Amino acid sequence: MSYFPAEEPQKFANIHKIFGASNMAKVLNDLEPHQWEDAVNSLAYEAEARLKNLVYPCVGVISMLQR
């Protein structure tokens, strides 16, 4: 299973831009293989949030949803 499908090229690009490929690899190496998909999806979500709002990435989304 590919965690970075060809139809979603921005997923890897965002993670690479925010965290770097080596940091992503370090995160995944610390996890069990069955946890990788969730970790990649979480990194992708956080990276996208940071690109949209550098000051309050996911916290801004959570705050907005709580209101």
PDB file of N, CA and C in Angstrom:
ATOM      1  N   MET A   1       0.842  -1.190   0.000  1.00  0.00           N
ATOM      2  CA  MET A   1       0.000   0.000   0.000  1.00  0.00           C
ATOM      3  C   MET A   1       0.878   1.242   0.000  1.00  0.00           C
ATOM      4  N   SER A   2       0.560   2.154  -0.869  1.00  0.00           N
ATOM      5  CA  SER A   2       1.313   3.400  -0.962  1.00  0.00           C
ATOM      6  C   SER A   2       0.658   4.468  -0.090  1.00  0.00           C
ATOM      7  N   TYR A   3       1.451   5.092   0.761  1.00  0.00           N
ATOM      8  CA  TYR A   3       0.927   6.161   1.613  1.00  0.00           C
ATOM      9  C   TYR A   3       0.934   7.494   0.885  1.00  0.00           C
ATOM     10  N   PHE A   4       1.588   7.524  -0.266  1.00  0.00           N
ATOM     11  CA  PHE A   4       1.651   8.719  -1.097  1.00  0.00           C
ATOM     12  C   PHE A   4       1.237   8.354  -2.518  1.00  0.00           C
ATOM     13  N   PRO A   5      -0.060   8.197  -2.749  1.00  0.00           N
ATOM     14  CA  PRO A   5      -0.522   7.800  -4.080  1.00  0.00           C
ATOM     15  C   PRO A   5      -0.233   8.879  -5.126  1.00  0.00           C
ATOM     16  N   ALA A   6      -0.082   8.426  -6.356  1.00  0.00           N
ATOM     17  CA  ALA A   6       0.252   9.328  -7.461  1.00  0.00           C
ATOM     18  C   ALA A   6      -0.793  10.414  -7.660  1.00  0.00           C
ATOM     19  N   GLU A   7      -2.045  10.130  -7.328  1.00  0.00           N
ATOM     20  CA  GLU A   7      -3.097  11.124  -7.511  1.00  0.00           C
ATOM     21  C   GLU A   7      -3.119  12.185  -6.395  1.00  0.00           C
ATOM     22  N   GLU A   8      -2.240  12.045  -5.396  1.00  0.00           N
ATOM     23  CA  GLU A   8      -2.135  13.027  -4.316  1.00  0.00           C
ATOM     24  C   GLU A   8      -0.683  13.499  -4.151  1.00  0.00           C
ATOM     25  N   PRO A   9      -0.095  14.094  -5.176  1.00  0.00           N
ATOM     26  CA  PRO A   9       1.318  14.478  -5.066  1.00  0.00           C
ATOM     27  C   PRO A   9       1.576  15.559  -4.013  1.00  0.00           C
ATOM     28  N   GLN A  10       0.574  16.366  -3.736  1.00  0.00           N
ATOM     29  CA  GLN A  10       0.752  17.457  -2.776  1.00  0.00           C
ATOM     30  C   GLN A  10       0.898  16.934  -1.352  1.00  0.00           C
ATOM     31  N   LYS A  11       0.396  15.748  -1.080  1.00  0.00           N
ATOM     32  CA  LYS A  11       0.485  15.160   0.255  1.00  0.00           C
ATOM     33  C   LYS A  11       1.951  15.035   0.684  1.00  0.00           C
ATOM     34  N   PHE A  12       2.766  14.406  -0.154  1.00  0.00           N
ATOM     35  CA  PHE A  12       4.186  14.274   0.170  1.00  0.00           C
ATOM     36  C   PHE A  12       4.881  15.627   0.134  1.00  0.00           C
ATOM     37  N   ALA A  13       4.548  16.445  -0.843  1.00  0.00           N
ATOM     38  CA  ALA A  13       5.193  17.753  -0.976  1.00  0.00           C
ATOM     39  C   ALA A  13       4.985  18.600   0.277  1.00  0.00           C
ATOM     40  N   ASN A  14       3.778  18.607   0.820  1.00  0.00           N
ATOM     41  CA  ASN A  14       3.500  19.381   2.038  1.00  0.00           C
ATOM     42  C   ASN A  14       4.287  18.853   3.227  1.00  0.00           C
ATOM     43  N   ILE A  15       4.295  17.526   3.405  1.00  0.00           N
ATOM     44  CA  ILE A  15       5.037  16.942   4.524  1.00  0.00           C
ATOM     45  C   ILE A  15       6.524  17.251   4.381  1.00  0.00           C
ATOM     46  N   HIS A  16       7.040  17.107   3.182  1.00  0.00           N
ATOM     47  CA  HIS A  16       8.457  17.366   2.945  1.00  0.00           C
ATOM     48  C   HIS A  16       8.796  18.827   3.223  1.00  0.00           C
ATOM     49  N   LYS A  17       7.929  19.729   2.799  1.00  0.00           N
ATOM     50  CA  LYS A  17       8.184  21.164   2.990  1.00  0.00           C
ATOM     51  C   LYS A  17       8.184  21.547   4.471  1.00  0.00           C
ATOM     52  N   ILE A  18       7.255  21.009   5.240  1.00  0.00           N
ATOM     53  CA  ILE A  18       7.131  21.393   6.649  1.00  0.00           C
ATOM     54  C   ILE A  18       8.073  20.595   7.560  1.00  0.00           C
ATOM     55  N   PHE A  19       8.125  19.286   7.386  1.00  0.00           N
ATOM     56  CA  PHE A  19       8.880  18.436   8.311  1.00  0.00           C
ATOM     57  C   PHE A  19      10.201  17.920   7.742  1.00  0.00           C
ATOM     58  N   GLY A  20      10.296  17.811   6.430  1.00  0.00           N
ATOM     59  CA  GLY A  20      11.469  17.210   5.806  1.00  0.00           C
ATOM     60  C   GLY A  20      11.311  15.706   5.716  1.00  0.00           C
ATOM     61  N   ALA A  21      11.846  15.141   4.669  1.00  0.00           N
ATOM     62  CA  ALA A  21      11.711  13.701   4.438  1.00  0.00           C
ATOM     63  C   ALA A  21      12.430  12.890   5.516  1.00  0.00           C
ATOM     64  N   SER A  22      13.577  13.348   5.972  1.00  0.00           N
ATOM     65  CA  SER A  22      14.320  12.587   6.980  1.00  0.00           C
ATOM     66  C   SER A  22      13.589  12.568   8.321  1.00  0.00           C
ATOM     67  N   ASN A  23      12.966  13.682   8.696  1.00  0.00           N
ATOM     68  CA  ASN A  23      12.191  13.704   9.940  1.00  0.00           C
ATOM     69  C   ASN A  23      10.965  12.810   9.831  1.00  0.00           C
ATOM     70  N   MET A  24      10.327  12.801   8.665  1.00  0.00           N
ATOM     71  CA  MET A  24       9.185  11.924   8.471  1.00  0.00           C
ATOM     72  C   MET A  24       9.631  10.466   8.608  1.00  0.00           C
ATOM     73  N   ALA A  25      10.779  10.126   8.026  1.00  0.00           N
ATOM     74  CA  ALA A  25      11.302   8.767   8.118  1.00  0.00           C
ATOM     75  C   ALA A  25      11.610   8.395   9.566  1.00  0.00           C
ATOM     76  N   LYS A  26      12.149   9.343  10.330  1.00  0.00           N
ATOM     77  CA  LYS A  26      12.438   9.079  11.746  1.00  0.00           C
ATOM     78  C   LYS A  26      11.157   8.783  12.519  1.00  0.00           C
ATOM     79  N   VAL A  27      10.107   9.552  12.257  1.00  0.00           N
ATOM     80  CA  VAL A  27       8.819   9.326  12.917  1.00  0.00           C
ATOM     81  C   VAL A  27       8.314   7.926  12.596  1.00  0.00           C
ATOM     82  N   LEU A  28       8.337   7.578  11.322  1.00  0.00           N
ATOM     83  CA  LEU A  28       7.824   6.275  10.907  1.00  0.00           C
ATOM     84  C   LEU A  28       8.675   5.127  11.444  1.00  0.00           C
ATOM     85  N   ASN A  29       9.983   5.327  11.546  1.00  0.00           N
ATOM     86  CA  ASN A  29      10.858   4.270  12.075  1.00  0.00           C
ATOM     87  C   ASN A  29      10.592   3.982  13.543  1.00  0.00           C
ATOM     88  N   ASP A  30      10.058   4.948  14.264  1.00  0.00           N
ATOM     89  CA  ASP A  30       9.761   4.761  15.684  1.00  0.00           C
ATOM     90  C   ASP A  30       8.415   4.073  15.909  1.00  0.00           C
ATOM     91  N   LEU A  31       7.679   3.816  14.841  1.00  0.00           N
ATOM     92  CA  LEU A  31       6.349   3.225  14.946  1.00  0.00           C
ATOM     93  C   LEU A  31       6.321   1.814  14.385  1.00  0.00           C
ATOM     94  N   GLU A  32       5.291   1.098  14.746  1.00  0.00           N
ATOM     95  CA  GLU A  32       5.041  -0.221  14.167  1.00  0.00           C
ATOM     96  C   GLU A  32       4.440  -0.028  12.776  1.00  0.00           C
ATOM     97  N   PRO A  33       4.703  -0.938  11.852  1.00  0.00           N
ATOM     98  CA  PRO A  33       4.171  -0.794  10.487  1.00  0.00           C
ATOM     99  C   PRO A  33       2.658  -0.577  10.404  1.00  0.00           C
ATOM    100  N   HIS A  34       1.907  -1.182  11.318  1.00  0.00           N
ATOM    101  CA  HIS A  34       0.450  -0.993  11.258  1.00  0.00           C
ATOM    102  C   HIS A  34       0.032   0.428  11.655  1.00  0.00           C
ATOM    103  N   GLN A  35       0.938   1.229  12.187  1.00  0.00           N
ATOM    104  CA  GLN A  35       0.651   2.601  12.587  1.00  0.00           C
ATOM    105  C   GLN A  35       1.047   3.626  11.520  1.00  0.00           C
ATOM    106  N   TRP A  36       1.746   3.194  10.489  1.00  0.00           N
ATOM    107  CA  TRP A  36       2.296   4.121   9.501  1.00  0.00           C
ATOM    108  C   TRP A  36       1.236   4.905   8.755  1.00  0.00           C
ATOM    109  N   GLU A  37       0.168   4.260   8.343  1.00  0.00           N
ATOM    110  CA  GLU A  37      -0.855   4.977   7.572  1.00  0.00           C
ATOM    111  C   GLU A  37      -1.451   6.118   8.382  1.00  0.00           C
ATOM    112  N   ASP A  38      -1.795   5.855   9.635  1.00  0.00           N
ATOM    113  CA  ASP A  38      -2.354   6.913  10.485  1.00  0.00           C
ATOM    114  C   ASP A  38      -1.332   8.025  10.716  1.00  0.00           C
ATOM    115  N   ALA A  39      -0.071   7.655  10.895  1.00  0.00           N
ATOM    116  CA  ALA A  39       0.974   8.657  11.116  1.00  0.00           C
ATOM    117  C   ALA A  39       1.151   9.548   9.887  1.00  0.00           C
ATOM    118  N   VAL A  40       1.188   8.945   8.708  1.00  0.00           N
ATOM    119  CA  VAL A  40       1.337   9.718   7.474  1.00  0.00           C
ATOM    120  C   VAL A  40       0.149  10.651   7.290  1.00  0.00           C
ATOM    121  N   ASN A  41      -1.052  10.158   7.547  1.00  0.00           N
ATOM    122  CA  ASN A  41      -2.237  11.007   7.419  1.00  0.00           C
ATOM    123  C   ASN A  41      -2.213  12.145   8.424  1.00  0.00           C
ATOM    124  N   SER A  42      -1.745  11.884   9.634  1.00  0.00           N
ATOM    125  CA  SER A  42      -1.635  12.938  10.645  1.00  0.00           C
ATOM    126  C   SER A  42      -0.591  13.976  10.258  1.00  0.00           C
ATOM    127  N   LEU A  43       0.552  13.517   9.766  1.00  0.00           N
ATOM    128  CA  LEU A  43       1.590  14.447   9.312  1.00  0.00           C
ATOM    129  C   LEU A  43       1.082  15.293   8.152  1.00  0.00           C
ATOM    130  N   ALA A  44       0.346  14.667   7.244  1.00  0.00           N
ATOM    131  CA  ALA A  44      -0.196  15.404   6.091  1.00  0.00           C
ATOM    132  C   ALA A  44      -1.199  16.457   6.557  1.00  0.00           C
ATOM    133  N   TYR A  45      -2.043  16.108   7.507  1.00  0.00           N
ATOM    134  CA  TYR A  45      -3.032  17.056   8.022  1.00  0.00           C
ATOM    135  C   TYR A  45      -2.341  18.232   8.718  1.00  0.00           C
ATOM    136  N   GLU A  46      -1.360  17.916   9.562  1.00  0.00           N
ATOM    137  CA  GLU A  46      -0.635  18.976  10.279  1.00  0.00           C
ATOM    138  C   GLU A  46       0.137  19.861   9.307  1.00  0.00           C
ATOM    139  N   ALA A  47       0.773  19.267   8.307  1.00  0.00           N
ATOM    140  CA  ALA A  47       1.529  20.051   7.329  1.00  0.00           C
ATOM    141  C   ALA A  47       0.602  20.989   6.560  1.00  0.00           C
ATOM    142  N   GLU A  48      -0.549  20.487   6.144  1.00  0.00           N
ATOM    143  CA  GLU A  48      -1.499  21.336   5.416  1.00  0.00           C
ATOM    144  C   GLU A  48      -2.000  22.470   6.308  1.00  0.00           C
ATOM    145  N   ALA A  49      -2.267  22.167   7.575  1.00  0.00           N
ATOM    146  CA  ALA A  49      -2.725  23.198   8.508  1.00  0.00           C
ATOM    147  C   ALA A  49      -1.649  24.254   8.711  1.00  0.00           C
ATOM    148  N   ARG A  50      -0.399  23.831   8.818  1.00  0.00           N
ATOM    149  CA  ARG A  50       0.698  24.795   8.998  1.00  0.00           C
ATOM    150  C   ARG A  50       0.884  25.667   7.770  1.00  0.00           C
ATOM    151  N   LEU A  51       0.691  25.104   6.599  1.00  0.00           N
ATOM    152  CA  LEU A  51       0.827  25.901   5.381  1.00  0.00           C
ATOM    153  C   LEU A  51      -0.291  26.934   5.272  1.00  0.00           C
ATOM    154  N   LYS A  52      -1.458  26.626   5.812  1.00  0.00           N
ATOM    155  CA  LYS A  52      -2.584  27.560   5.771  1.00  0.00           C
ATOM    156  C   LYS A  52      -2.479  28.625   6.853  1.00  0.00           C
ATOM    157  N   ASN A  53      -1.938  28.255   8.023  1.00  0.00           N
ATOM    158  CA  ASN A  53      -1.877  29.174   9.152  1.00  0.00           C
ATOM    159  C   ASN A  53      -0.626  28.846   9.957  1.00  0.00           C
ATOM    160  N   LEU A  54       0.439  29.602   9.744  1.00  0.00           N
ATOM    161  CA  LEU A  54       1.711  29.314  10.408  1.00  0.00           C
ATOM    162  C   LEU A  54       1.687  29.584  11.901  1.00  0.00           C
ATOM    163  N   VAL A  55       0.814  30.466  12.354  1.00  0.00           N
ATOM    164  CA  VAL A  55       0.788  30.830  13.765  1.00  0.00           C
ATOM    165  C   VAL A  55       0.018  29.809  14.600  1.00  0.00           C
ATOM    166  N   TYR A  56      -1.173  29.444  14.153  1.00  0.00           N
ATOM    167  CA  TYR A  56      -2.012  28.507  14.892  1.00  0.00           C
ATOM    168  C   TYR A  56      -2.473  27.377  13.976  1.00  0.00           C
ATOM    169  N   PRO A  57      -1.581  26.462  13.605  1.00  0.00           N
ATOM    170  CA  PRO A  57      -1.970  25.451  12.612  1.00  0.00           C
ATOM    171  C   PRO A  57      -3.190  24.631  13.017  1.00  0.00           C
ATOM    172  N   CYS A  58      -3.025  23.531  13.666  1.00  0.00           N
ATOM    173  CA  CYS A  58      -4.164  22.690  14.060  1.00  0.00           C
ATOM    174  C   CYS A  58      -4.945  23.305  15.214  1.00  0.00           C
ATOM    175  N   VAL A  59      -4.264  24.046  16.077  1.00  0.00           N
ATOM    176  CA  VAL A  59      -4.948  24.686  17.202  1.00  0.00           C
ATOM    177  C   VAL A  59      -5.990  25.670  16.691  1.00  0.00           C
ATOM    178  N   GLY A  60      -5.677  26.362  15.613  1.00  0.00           N
ATOM    179  CA  GLY A  60      -6.638  27.289  15.024  1.00  0.00           C
ATOM    180  C   GLY A  60      -7.874  26.573  14.527  1.00  0.00           C
ATOM    181  N   VAL A  61      -7.698  25.419  13.922  1.00  0.00           N
ATOM    182  CA  VAL A  61      -8.831  24.630  13.433  1.00  0.00           C
ATOM    183  C   VAL A  61      -9.664  24.128  14.604  1.00  0.00           C
ATOM    184  N   ILE A  62      -9.002  23.621  15.634  1.00  0.00           N
ATOM    185  CA  ILE A  62      -9.716  23.121  16.812  1.00  0.00           C
ATOM    186  C   ILE A  62     -10.489  24.239  17.477  1.00  0.00           C
ATOM    187  N   SER A  63      -9.863  25.396  17.637  1.00  0.00           N
ATOM    188  CA  SER A  63     -10.522  26.544  18.252  1.00  0.00           C
ATOM    189  C   SER A  63     -11.756  26.963  17.457  1.00  0.00           C
ATOM    190  N   MET A  64     -11.605  27.012  16.145  1.00  0.00           N
ATOM    191  CA  MET A  64     -12.727  27.377  15.276  1.00  0.00           C
ATOM    192  C   MET A  64     -13.872  26.376  15.422  1.00  0.00           C
ATOM    193  N   LEU A  65     -13.544  25.094  15.487  1.00  0.00           N
ATOM    194  CA  LEU A  65     -14.591  24.075  15.602  1.00  0.00           C
ATOM    195  C   LEU A  65     -15.293  24.138  16.962  1.00  0.00           C
ATOM    196  N   GLN A  66     -14.573  24.540  18.001  1.00  0.00           N
ATOM    197  CA  GLN A  66     -15.184  24.633  19.326  1.00  0.00           C
ATOM    198  C   GLN A  66     -16.164  25.793  19.436  1.00  0.00           C
ATOM    199  N   ARG A  67     -15.951  26.822  18.612  1.00  0.00           N
ATOM    200  CA  ARG A  67     -16.869  27.974  18.641  1.00  0.00           C
ATOM    201  C   ARG A  67     -18.104  27.587  17.956  1.00  0.00           C
TER     202      ARG A  67
END
